Amino acid sequence: MKKPNKPSFGKSKSTGEKKFEKNPKAKFEKKDGSTQKSSQPKPKTDSDEIRLNKYIANSGVCSRREADLYITSGNVKVNGQAIIELGYKVKPGDKVTFDGALLSPEKKEYILLNKPKNFSTSANATQNNVANLISGASKNKLLPIGRMDSTTTGLLLFTNDNDLITKFTQESQRSSKIYQVTLDKNLKYEDLEKIQKGITIEERKVYVEDVSYIEKQPKTEIGLKVRTSNVKVVRIIFEKLGYDVLKVDRVTFAGLTKKNLPRGMWRVLTEQEVINLKNM
């Protein structure tokens, strides 16, 4: 391989003018006698640009194929101007609106964790924060849907989809969650019936979808199906009747289960699971 020429001054044969031949590996001497490589500015590229249909898909509005239809129909604007050109690229700082709503280009992600004990969603928990358990799942900041104390275990969903977080933390949310609760003593049948009829907590009656003993287990093991996203309510229901709750494990969350998901492990939701959550 031919080595690059050293920097040299001379006269051009054609013009007689002086010329300077640059060497990309040229070194320059510092005052202390050492040398350093010259730093050439990196050429600007369009690598930060993103196709408009992908930008829309990343925002979670629809698929890229569907985005193409909306673009050609004039439903999408970039910086206030309708764009109907397929293949149009969005630049950093551009504002994209879809039917008047401002979009975020951040790709929506959904991670399901089977939370172990001794980890909390509290911001005060640093080393034992649940976020540490999914640190390798995404470069984006993902937030848990709802709260879980360090003693509660089971399914916890993380996402950067703010609309989904809001949806599943509202009191009006009606998706079902199933918990396996371990008590300090056998649950009396009359207390089980009281729970079925509704328990008054802070002057408000709390109803459950179902409560039952777990088959082939001691009567300290109870299955509870509720719609509230507040895990504390699960504990309060039994404490109100004089039981100490030893363990609470969320085994299903809005149709998601712990199948093939060992304790302490996480997985990415499938596209169909995400669709199901959004349709609830």
C-alpha atoms as a PDB file:
ATOM      1  CA  MET A   1       0.000   0.000   0.000  1.00  0.00           C
ATOM      2  CA  LYS A   2       1.376   3.407  -0.958  1.00  0.00           C
ATOM      3  CA  LYS A   3       1.992   5.715   2.003  1.00  0.00           C
ATOM      4  CA  PRO A   4       0.436   9.192   1.877  1.00  0.00           C
ATOM      5  CA  ASN A   5       2.834  11.972   0.878  1.00  0.00           C
ATOM      6  CA  LYS A   6       4.174  14.317   3.516  1.00  0.00           C
ATOM      7  CA  PRO A   7       2.906  17.906   3.513  1.00  0.00           C
ATOM      8  CA  SER A   8       4.890  19.823   0.918  1.00  0.00           C
ATOM      9  CA  PHE A   9       5.074  23.257  -0.633  1.00  0.00           C
ATOM     10  CA  GLY A  10       5.832  23.714  -4.289  1.00  0.00           C
ATOM     11  CA  LYS A  11       4.727  25.299  -7.487  1.00  0.00           C
ATOM     12  CA  SER A  12       1.960  23.947  -9.600  1.00  0.00           C
ATOM     13  CA  LYS A  13       3.223  22.954 -13.026  1.00  0.00           C
ATOM     14  CA  SER A  14       0.090  24.270 -14.669  1.00  0.00           C
ATOM     15  CA  THR A  15      -0.378  27.601 -12.892  1.00  0.00           C
ATOM     16  CA  GLY A  16       2.904  28.341 -11.163  1.00  0.00           C
ATOM     17  CA  GLU A  17       0.987  29.074  -7.957  1.00  0.00           C
ATOM     18  CA  LYS A  18       1.978  27.698  -4.635  1.00  0.00           C
ATOM     19  CA  LYS A  19      -0.010  24.764  -3.442  1.00  0.00           C
ATOM     20  CA  PHE A  20      -0.350  22.867  -0.186  1.00  0.00           C
ATOM     21  CA  GLU A  21      -0.975  19.160  -0.226  1.00  0.00           C
ATOM     22  CA  LYS A  22      -2.840  18.061   2.928  1.00  0.00           C
ATOM     23  CA  ASN A  23      -1.972  14.850   4.650  1.00  0.00           C
ATOM     24  CA  PRO A  24      -4.904  13.433   6.661  1.00  0.00           C
ATOM     25  CA  LYS A  25      -2.427  11.951   9.142  1.00  0.00           C
ATOM     26  CA  ALA A  26      -0.379  15.143   9.507  1.00  0.00           C
ATOM     27  CA  LYS A  27       1.050  15.775  12.965  1.00  0.00           C
ATOM     28  CA  PHE A  28       1.772  19.141  14.515  1.00  0.00           C
ATOM     29  CA  GLU A  29       4.374  19.901  17.120  1.00  0.00           C
ATOM     30  CA  LYS A  30       3.353  21.228  20.505  1.00  0.00           C
ATOM     31  CA  LYS A  31       5.407  23.678  22.533  1.00  0.00           C
ATOM     32  CA  ASP A  32       6.687  20.840  24.717  1.00  0.00           C
ATOM     33  CA  GLY A  33       8.028  18.992  21.675  1.00  0.00           C
ATOM     34  CA  SER A  34       5.289  16.345  21.624  1.00  0.00           C
ATOM     35  CA  THR A  35       3.013  15.831  18.682  1.00  0.00           C
ATOM     36  CA  GLN A  36      -0.703  15.552  18.193  1.00  0.00           C
ATOM     37  CA  LYS A  37      -2.892  14.477  15.323  1.00  0.00           C
ATOM     38  CA  SER A  38      -4.761  17.155  13.480  1.00  0.00           C
ATOM     39  CA  SER A  39      -8.481  17.199  14.142  1.00  0.00           C
ATOM     40  CA  GLN A  40     -10.570  17.434  11.035  1.00  0.00           C
ATOM     41  CA  PRO A  41     -14.216  18.520  11.476  1.00  0.00           C
ATOM     42  CA  LYS A  42     -16.645  15.686  10.840  1.00  0.00           C
ATOM     43  CA  PRO A  43     -18.778  16.192   7.780  1.00  0.00           C
ATOM     44  CA  LYS A  44     -22.442  16.784   8.466  1.00  0.00           C
ATOM     45  CA  THR A  45     -24.725  13.924   7.579  1.00  0.00           C
ATOM     46  CA  ASP A  46     -28.452  13.398   7.531  1.00  0.00           C
ATOM     47  CA  SER A  47     -28.198  10.446   9.948  1.00  0.00           C
ATOM     48  CA  ASP A  48     -30.294  12.350  12.490  1.00  0.00           C
ATOM     49  CA  GLU A  49     -33.126  12.697   9.994  1.00  0.00           C
ATOM     50  CA  ILE A  50     -35.949  10.169  10.114  1.00  0.00           C
ATOM     51  CA  ARG A  51     -38.585   9.235   7.567  1.00  0.00           C
ATOM     52  CA  LEU A  52     -41.937  10.784   8.394  1.00  0.00           C
ATOM     53  CA  ASN A  53     -43.826   7.473   8.485  1.00  0.00           C
ATOM     54  CA  LYS A  54     -41.290   6.029  10.940  1.00  0.00           C
ATOM     55  CA  TYR A  55     -41.501   9.174  13.074  1.00  0.00           C
ATOM     56  CA  ILE A  56     -45.266   8.718  13.283  1.00  0.00           C
ATOM     57  CA  ALA A  57     -44.973   4.977  14.036  1.00  0.00           C
ATOM     58  CA  ASN A  58     -42.408   5.661  16.796  1.00  0.00           C
ATOM     59  CA  SER A  59     -44.871   8.034  18.420  1.00  0.00           C
ATOM     60  CA  GLY A  60     -47.268   5.092  18.843  1.00  0.00           C
ATOM     61  CA  VAL A  61     -50.078   6.499  16.714  1.00  0.00           C
ATOM     62  CA  CYS A  62     -50.142   3.730  14.124  1.00  0.00           C
ATOM     63  CA  SER A  63     -47.975   1.450  11.996  1.00  0.00           C
ATOM     64  CA  ARG A  64     -45.661   2.779   9.271  1.00  0.00           C
ATOM     65  CA  ARG A  65     -47.934   1.387   6.564  1.00  0.00           C
ATOM     66  CA  GLU A  66     -50.957   3.146   8.079  1.00  0.00           C
ATOM     67  CA  ALA A  67     -48.886   6.321   8.472  1.00  0.00           C
ATOM     68  CA  ASP A  68     -48.321   6.396   4.698  1.00  0.00           C
ATOM     69  CA  LEU A  69     -52.085   6.499   4.177  1.00  0.00           C
ATOM     70  CA  TYR A  70     -52.517   9.355   6.630  1.00  0.00           C
ATOM     71  CA  ILE A  71     -49.638  11.269   5.025  1.00  0.00           C
ATOM     72  CA  THR A  72     -51.064  11.024   1.496  1.00  0.00           C
ATOM     73  CA  SER A  73     -54.462  12.040   2.877  1.00  0.00           C
ATOM     74  CA  GLY A  74     -53.002  15.297   4.227  1.00  0.00           C
ATOM     75  CA  ASN A  75     -53.518  14.475   7.919  1.00  0.00           C
ATOM     76  CA  VAL A  76     -49.886  15.136   8.846  1.00  0.00           C
ATOM     77  CA  LYS A  77     -48.171  18.506   9.116  1.00  0.00           C
ATOM     78  CA  VAL A  78     -44.504  19.355   9.630  1.00  0.00           C
ATOM     79  CA  ASN A  79     -43.850  22.809  11.074  1.00  0.00           C
ATOM     80  CA  GLY A  80     -47.432  23.755  10.234  1.00  0.00           C
ATOM     81  CA  GLN A  81     -47.312  22.666   6.590  1.00  0.00           C
ATOM     82  CA  ALA A  82     -49.192  19.629   5.306  1.00  0.00           C
ATOM     83  CA  ILE A  83     -46.869  16.969   3.906  1.00  0.00           C
ATOM     84  CA  ILE A  84     -48.176  14.455   1.386  1.00  0.00           C
ATOM     85  CA  GLU A  85     -44.811  13.281   0.082  1.00  0.00           C
ATOM     86  CA  LEU A  86     -43.959   9.671   0.922  1.00  0.00           C
ATOM     87  CA  GLY A  87     -40.346   9.397   1.964  1.00  0.00           C
ATOM     88  CA  TYR A  88     -40.235  12.901   3.439  1.00  0.00           C
ATOM     89  CA  LYS A  89     -37.563  13.125   6.159  1.00  0.00           C
ATOM     90  CA  VAL A  90     -38.065  14.918   9.453  1.00  0.00           C
ATOM     91  CA  LYS A  91     -35.115  16.930  10.732  1.00  0.00           C
ATOM     92  CA  PRO A  92     -34.145  17.434  14.397  1.00  0.00           C
ATOM     93  CA  GLY A  93     -36.256  20.235  15.853  1.00  0.00           C
ATOM     94  CA  ASP A  94     -39.130  19.791  13.385  1.00  0.00           C
ATOM     95  CA  LYS A  95     -42.608  19.810  14.912  1.00  0.00           C
ATOM     96  CA  VAL A  96     -44.870  17.098  13.576  1.00  0.00           C
ATOM     97  CA  THR A  97     -48.627  17.170  14.183  1.00  0.00           C
ATOM     98  CA  PHE A  98     -51.129  14.417  13.471  1.00  0.00           C
ATOM     99  CA  ASP A  99     -54.739  15.612  13.237  1.00  0.00           C
ATOM    100  CA  GLY A 100     -53.669  18.663  15.243  1.00  0.00           C
ATOM    101  CA  ALA A 101     -51.908  16.724  18.033  1.00  0.00           C
ATOM    102  CA  LEU A 102     -48.154  17.223  18.517  1.00  0.00           C
ATOM    103  CA  LEU A 103     -46.221  13.954  18.229  1.00  0.00           C
ATOM    104  CA  SER A 104     -43.164  12.740  20.092  1.00  0.00           C
ATOM    105  CA  PRO A 105     -40.590  10.795  18.011  1.00  0.00           C
ATOM    106  CA  GLU A 106     -39.521   8.594  20.920  1.00  0.00           C
ATOM    107  CA  LYS A 107     -40.337   4.988  20.194  1.00  0.00           C
ATOM    108  CA  LYS A 108     -42.811   3.594  22.699  1.00  0.00           C
ATOM    109  CA  GLU A 109     -41.535   0.612  24.670  1.00  0.00           C
ATOM    110  CA  TYR A 110     -43.287  -1.819  26.990  1.00  0.00           C
ATOM    111  CA  ILE A 111     -41.428  -4.051  29.463  1.00  0.00           C
ATOM    112  CA  LEU A 112     -43.059  -6.576  31.776  1.00  0.00           C
ATOM    113  CA  LEU A 113     -41.167  -7.430  34.975  1.00  0.00           C
ATOM    114  CA  ASN A 114     -41.813 -10.199  37.484  1.00  0.00           C
ATOM    115  CA  LYS A 115     -40.729  -8.173  40.510  1.00  0.00           C
ATOM    116  CA  PRO A 116     -38.949  -9.923  43.392  1.00  0.00           C
ATOM    117  CA  LYS A 117     -39.025  -8.842  47.042  1.00  0.00           C
ATOM    118  CA  ASN A 118     -36.881  -6.056  48.458  1.00  0.00           C
ATOM    119  CA  PHE A 119     -37.284  -3.782  45.430  1.00  0.00           C
ATOM    120  CA  SER A 120     -39.523  -0.732  45.417  1.00  0.00           C
ATOM    121  CA  THR A 121     -40.940   1.801  42.967  1.00  0.00           C
ATOM    122  CA  SER A 122     -40.226   4.582  45.464  1.00  0.00           C
ATOM    123  CA  ALA A 123     -37.944   7.345  44.206  1.00  0.00           C
ATOM    124  CA  ASN A 124     -36.169   7.207  47.581  1.00  0.00           C
ATOM    125  CA  ALA A 125     -35.027   3.648  46.890  1.00  0.00           C
ATOM    126  CA  THR A 126     -31.729   3.986  45.044  1.00  0.00           C
ATOM    127  CA  GLN A 127     -29.868   0.677  45.108  1.00  0.00           C
ATOM    128  CA  ASN A 128     -33.107  -1.320  45.485  1.00  0.00           C
ATOM    129  CA  ASN A 129     -35.168   0.600  42.964  1.00  0.00           C
ATOM    130  CA  VAL A 130     -37.092  -1.592  40.504  1.00  0.00           C
ATOM    131  CA  ALA A 131     -35.624   0.432  37.639  1.00  0.00           C
ATOM    132  CA  ASN A 132     -32.291  -1.293  38.301  1.00  0.00           C
ATOM    133  CA  LEU A 133     -33.857  -4.641  37.377  1.00  0.00           C
ATOM    134  CA  ILE A 134     -34.623  -3.476  33.819  1.00  0.00           C
ATOM    135  CA  SER A 135     -31.567  -1.265  33.320  1.00  0.00           C
ATOM    136  CA  GLY A 136     -30.482  -3.253  30.257  1.00  0.00           C
ATOM    137  CA  ALA A 137     -33.917  -3.287  28.646  1.00  0.00           C
ATOM    138  CA  SER A 138     -33.868   0.159  27.046  1.00  0.00           C
ATOM    139  CA  LYS A 139     -31.854   3.336  26.591  1.00  0.00           C
ATOM    140  CA  ASN A 140     -35.025   5.337  27.197  1.00  0.00           C
ATOM    141  CA  LYS A 141     -36.371   6.203  30.620  1.00  0.00           C
ATOM    142  CA  LEU A 142     -39.198   3.791  31.378  1.00  0.00           C
ATOM    143  CA  LEU A 143     -41.606   4.350  34.260  1.00  0.00           C
ATOM    144  CA  PRO A 144     -43.609   1.725  36.167  1.00  0.00           C
ATOM    145  CA  ILE A 145     -47.390   1.747  35.895  1.00  0.00           C
ATOM    146  CA  GLY A 146     -48.549   2.146  39.472  1.00  0.00           C
ATOM    147  CA  ARG A 147     -46.639   1.673  42.689  1.00  0.00           C
ATOM    148  CA  MET A 148     -45.273  -1.388  44.444  1.00  0.00           C
ATOM    149  CA  ASP A 149     -43.680  -1.528  47.867  1.00  0.00           C
ATOM    150  CA  SER A 150     -40.651  -3.684  48.590  1.00  0.00           C
ATOM    151  CA  THR A 151     -42.680  -6.568  50.055  1.00  0.00           C
ATOM    152  CA  THR A 152     -45.120  -6.902  47.132  1.00  0.00           C
ATOM    153  CA  THR A 153     -44.030  -9.175  44.288  1.00  0.00           C
ATOM    154  CA  GLY A 154     -45.291 -10.019  40.833  1.00  0.00           C
ATOM    155  CA  LEU A 155     -46.098  -8.310  37.572  1.00  0.00           C
ATOM    156  CA  LEU A 156     -45.101  -4.705  37.035  1.00  0.00           C
ATOM    157  CA  LEU A 157     -45.326  -3.005  33.659  1.00  0.00           C
ATOM    158  CA  PHE A 158     -42.823  -0.330  32.547  1.00  0.00           C
ATOM    159  CA  THR A 159     -43.251   2.041  29.622  1.00  0.00           C
ATOM    160  CA  ASN A 160     -42.506   5.509  28.223  1.00  0.00           C
ATOM    161  CA  ASP A 161     -46.050   5.687  26.881  1.00  0.00           C
ATOM    162  CA  ASN A 162     -47.511   8.436  29.070  1.00  0.00           C
ATOM    163  CA  ASP A 163     -51.016   7.880  27.731  1.00  0.00           C
ATOM    164  CA  LEU A 164     -50.931   4.245  28.850  1.00  0.00           C
ATOM    165  CA  ILE A 165     -49.532   5.179  32.271  1.00  0.00           C
ATOM    166  CA  THR A 166     -52.345   7.681  32.765  1.00  0.00           C
ATOM    167  CA  LYS A 167     -54.926   5.196  31.549  1.00  0.00           C
ATOM    168  CA  PHE A 168     -53.979   2.431  33.989  1.00  0.00           C
ATOM    169  CA  THR A 169     -53.520   4.658  37.033  1.00  0.00           C
ATOM    170  CA  GLN A 170     -56.903   6.369  36.830  1.00  0.00           C
ATOM    171  CA  GLU A 171     -59.600   5.237  39.259  1.00  0.00           C
ATOM    172  CA  SER A 172     -61.958   4.698  36.341  1.00  0.00           C
ATOM    173  CA  GLN A 173     -59.649   2.040  34.847  1.00  0.00           C
ATOM    174  CA  ARG A 174     -61.553  -1.255  34.741  1.00  0.00           C
ATOM    175  CA  SER A 175     -58.924  -3.845  33.811  1.00  0.00           C
ATOM    176  CA  SER A 176     -58.605  -6.843  36.134  1.00  0.00           C
ATOM    177  CA  LYS A 177     -55.623  -7.736  38.325  1.00  0.00           C
ATOM    178  CA  ILE A 178     -55.308 -11.000  40.235  1.00  0.00           C
ATOM    179  CA  TYR A 179     -53.325 -11.312  43.457  1.00  0.00           C
ATOM    180  CA  GLN A 180     -52.302 -14.282  45.540  1.00  0.00           C
ATOM    181  CA  VAL A 181     -52.408 -13.176  49.156  1.00  0.00           C
ATOM    182  CA  THR A 182     -50.799 -15.043  52.061  1.00  0.00           C
ATOM    183  CA  LEU A 183     -52.314 -14.384  55.506  1.00  0.00           C
ATOM    184  CA  ASP A 184     -51.040 -15.054  59.025  1.00  0.00           C
ATOM    185  CA  LYS A 185     -54.036 -17.312  59.754  1.00  0.00           C
ATOM    186  CA  ASN A 186     -56.852 -19.085  57.950  1.00  0.00           C
ATOM    187  CA  LEU A 187     -59.419 -16.791  56.365  1.00  0.00           C
ATOM    188  CA  LYS A 188     -62.813 -17.455  57.926  1.00  0.00           C
ATOM    189  CA  TYR A 189     -65.574 -18.230  55.486  1.00  0.00           C
ATOM    190  CA  GLU A 190     -67.775 -15.463  56.913  1.00  0.00           C
ATOM    191  CA  ASP A 191     -64.940 -12.993  56.293  1.00  0.00           C
ATOM    192  CA  LEU A 192     -64.588 -14.263  52.735  1.00  0.00           C
ATOM    193  CA  GLU A 193     -68.292 -13.505  52.253  1.00  0.00           C
ATOM    194  CA  LYS A 194     -67.827 -10.004  53.693  1.00  0.00           C
ATOM    195  CA  ILE A 195     -65.109  -9.325  51.149  1.00  0.00           C
ATOM    196  CA  GLN A 196     -67.365 -10.555  48.350  1.00  0.00           C
ATOM    197  CA  LYS A 197     -70.115  -8.150  49.443  1.00  0.00           C
ATOM    198  CA  GLY A 198     -67.704  -5.209  49.711  1.00  0.00           C
ATOM    199  CA  ILE A 199     -65.537  -3.741  52.463  1.00  0.00           C
ATOM    200  CA  THR A 200     -65.845  -0.123  53.606  1.00  0.00           C
ATOM    201  CA  ILE A 201     -62.466   1.604  53.608  1.00  0.00           C
ATOM    202  CA  GLU A 202     -62.261   5.259  54.682  1.00  0.00           C
ATOM    203  CA  GLU A 203     -66.023   5.705  54.277  1.00  0.00           C
ATOM    204  CA  ARG A 204     -65.906   4.231  50.815  1.00  0.00           C
ATOM    205  CA  LYS A 205     -67.108   0.776  49.868  1.00  0.00           C
ATOM    206  CA  VAL A 206     -64.554  -1.267  47.955  1.00  0.00           C
ATOM    207  CA  TYR A 207     -65.865  -4.113  45.816  1.00  0.00           C
ATOM    208  CA  VAL A 208     -63.883  -7.023  44.421  1.00  0.00           C
ATOM    209  CA  GLU A 209     -64.593  -9.036  41.298  1.00  0.00           C
ATOM    210  CA  ASP A 210     -63.860 -12.323  43.007  1.00  0.00           C
ATOM    211  CA  VAL A 211     -62.253 -13.783  46.117  1.00  0.00           C
ATOM    212  CA  SER A 212     -61.634 -17.463  46.844  1.00  0.00           C
ATOM    213  CA  TYR A 213     -59.465 -19.979  48.610  1.00  0.00           C
ATOM    214  CA  ILE A 214     -56.700 -21.321  46.393  1.00  0.00           C
ATOM    215  CA  GLU A 215     -57.305 -24.936  45.466  1.00  0.00           C
ATOM    216  CA  LYS A 216     -55.145 -27.523  47.251  1.00  0.00           C
ATOM    217  CA  GLN A 217     -53.569 -24.804  49.413  1.00  0.00           C
ATOM    218  CA  PRO A 218     -54.031 -23.882  53.103  1.00  0.00           C
ATOM    219  CA  LYS A 219     -56.844 -21.423  53.786  1.00  0.00           C
ATOM    220  CA  THR A 220     -54.176 -18.809  54.419  1.00  0.00           C
ATOM    221  CA  GLU A 221     -53.657 -18.647  50.650  1.00  0.00           C
ATOM    222  CA  ILE A 222     -56.295 -16.472  49.013  1.00  0.00           C
ATOM    223  CA  GLY A 223     -56.924 -15.422  45.422  1.00  0.00           C
ATOM    224  CA  LEU A 224     -58.265 -11.896  44.970  1.00  0.00           C
ATOM    225  CA  LYS A 225     -59.441 -10.357  41.694  1.00  0.00           C
ATOM    226  CA  VAL A 226     -59.806  -6.571  41.682  1.00  0.00           C
ATOM    227  CA  ARG A 227     -59.809  -3.720  39.203  1.00  0.00           C
ATOM    228  CA  THR A 228     -58.036  -1.080  41.243  1.00  0.00           C
ATOM    229  CA  SER A 229     -54.408  -0.360  40.381  1.00  0.00           C
ATOM    230  CA  ASN A 230     -53.650   0.497  44.021  1.00  0.00           C
ATOM    231  CA  VAL A 231     -51.861  -2.469  45.622  1.00  0.00           C
ATOM    232  CA  LYS A 232     -52.362  -0.972  49.094  1.00  0.00           C
ATOM    233  CA  VAL A 233     -56.087  -1.622  48.807  1.00  0.00           C
ATOM    234  CA  VAL A 234     -55.389  -5.368  48.621  1.00  0.00           C
ATOM    235  CA  ARG A 235     -53.640  -5.304  52.003  1.00  0.00           C
ATOM    236  CA  ILE A 236     -56.181  -3.005  53.627  1.00  0.00           C
ATOM    237  CA  ILE A 237     -59.080  -5.303  52.692  1.00  0.00           C
ATOM    238  CA  PHE A 238     -57.680  -8.114  54.870  1.00  0.00           C
ATOM    239  CA  GLU A 239     -56.205  -5.905  57.580  1.00  0.00           C
ATOM    240  CA  LYS A 240     -59.648  -4.354  58.028  1.00  0.00           C
ATOM    241  CA  LEU A 241     -60.881  -7.807  59.089  1.00  0.00           C
ATOM    242  CA  GLY A 242     -58.034  -8.420  61.552  1.00  0.00           C
ATOM    243  CA  TYR A 243     -55.558 -10.370  59.396  1.00  0.00           C
ATOM    244  CA  ASP A 244     -51.867  -9.713  58.946  1.00  0.00           C
ATOM    245  CA  VAL A 245     -50.850  -9.888  55.288  1.00  0.00           C
ATOM    246  CA  LEU A 246     -47.582 -11.794  54.938  1.00  0.00           C
ATOM    247  CA  LYS A 247     -47.297 -11.756  51.165  1.00  0.00           C
ATOM    248  CA  VAL A 248     -48.944 -10.162  48.119  1.00  0.00           C
ATOM    249  CA  ASP A 249     -48.080 -11.471  44.659  1.00  0.00           C
ATOM    250  CA  ARG A 250     -49.627 -10.008  41.507  1.00  0.00           C
ATOM    251  CA  VAL A 251     -50.079 -12.953  39.158  1.00  0.00           C
ATOM    252  CA  THR A 252     -51.987 -11.230  36.342  1.00  0.00           C
ATOM    253  CA  PHE A 253     -52.161  -7.617  35.172  1.00  0.00           C
ATOM    254  CA  ALA A 254     -54.677  -6.527  32.543  1.00  0.00           C
ATOM    255  CA  GLY A 255     -54.551  -9.884  30.777  1.00  0.00           C
ATOM    256  CA  LEU A 256     -50.763 -10.296  31.117  1.00  0.00           C
ATOM    257  CA  THR A 257     -49.512 -13.321  33.055  1.00  0.00           C
ATOM    258  CA  LYS A 258     -46.276 -14.603  34.607  1.00  0.00           C
ATOM    259  CA  LYS A 259     -46.087 -17.530  32.200  1.00  0.00           C
ATOM    260  CA  ASN A 260     -42.440 -18.282  31.299  1.00  0.00           C
ATOM    261  CA  LEU A 261     -41.316 -15.232  33.273  1.00  0.00           C
ATOM    262  CA  PRO A 262     -39.252 -16.240  36.341  1.00  0.00           C
ATOM    263  CA  ARG A 263     -39.002 -13.970  39.345  1.00  0.00           C
ATOM    264  CA  GLY A 264     -36.623 -11.061  38.739  1.00  0.00           C
ATOM    265  CA  MET A 265     -36.767 -11.412  34.945  1.00  0.00           C
ATOM    266  CA  TRP A 266     -38.391  -9.165  32.330  1.00  0.00           C
ATOM    267  CA  ARG A 267     -39.581  -9.399  28.745  1.00  0.00           C
ATOM    268  CA  VAL A 268     -40.772  -7.107  25.962  1.00  0.00           C
ATOM    269  CA  LEU A 269     -44.503  -7.120  25.262  1.00  0.00           C
ATOM    270  CA  THR A 270     -45.634  -8.425  21.909  1.00  0.00           C
ATOM    271  CA  GLU A 271     -47.321  -6.102  19.442  1.00  0.00           C
ATOM    272  CA  GLN A 272     -50.650  -7.847  20.055  1.00  0.00           C
ATOM    273  CA  GLU A 273     -50.317  -7.444  23.842  1.00  0.00           C
ATOM    274  CA  VAL A 274     -49.759  -3.713  23.382  1.00  0.00           C
ATOM    275  CA  ILE A 275     -52.834  -3.483  21.157  1.00  0.00           C
ATOM    276  CA  ASN A 276     -54.880  -5.338  23.787  1.00  0.00           C
ATOM    277  CA  LEU A 277     -53.797  -2.915  26.515  1.00  0.00           C
ATOM    278  CA  LYS A 278     -54.688   0.118  24.407  1.00  0.00           C
ATOM    279  CA  ASN A 279     -58.120  -1.319  23.607  1.00  0.00           C
ATOM    280  CA  MET A 280     -59.083  -1.884  27.250  1.00  0.00           C
END
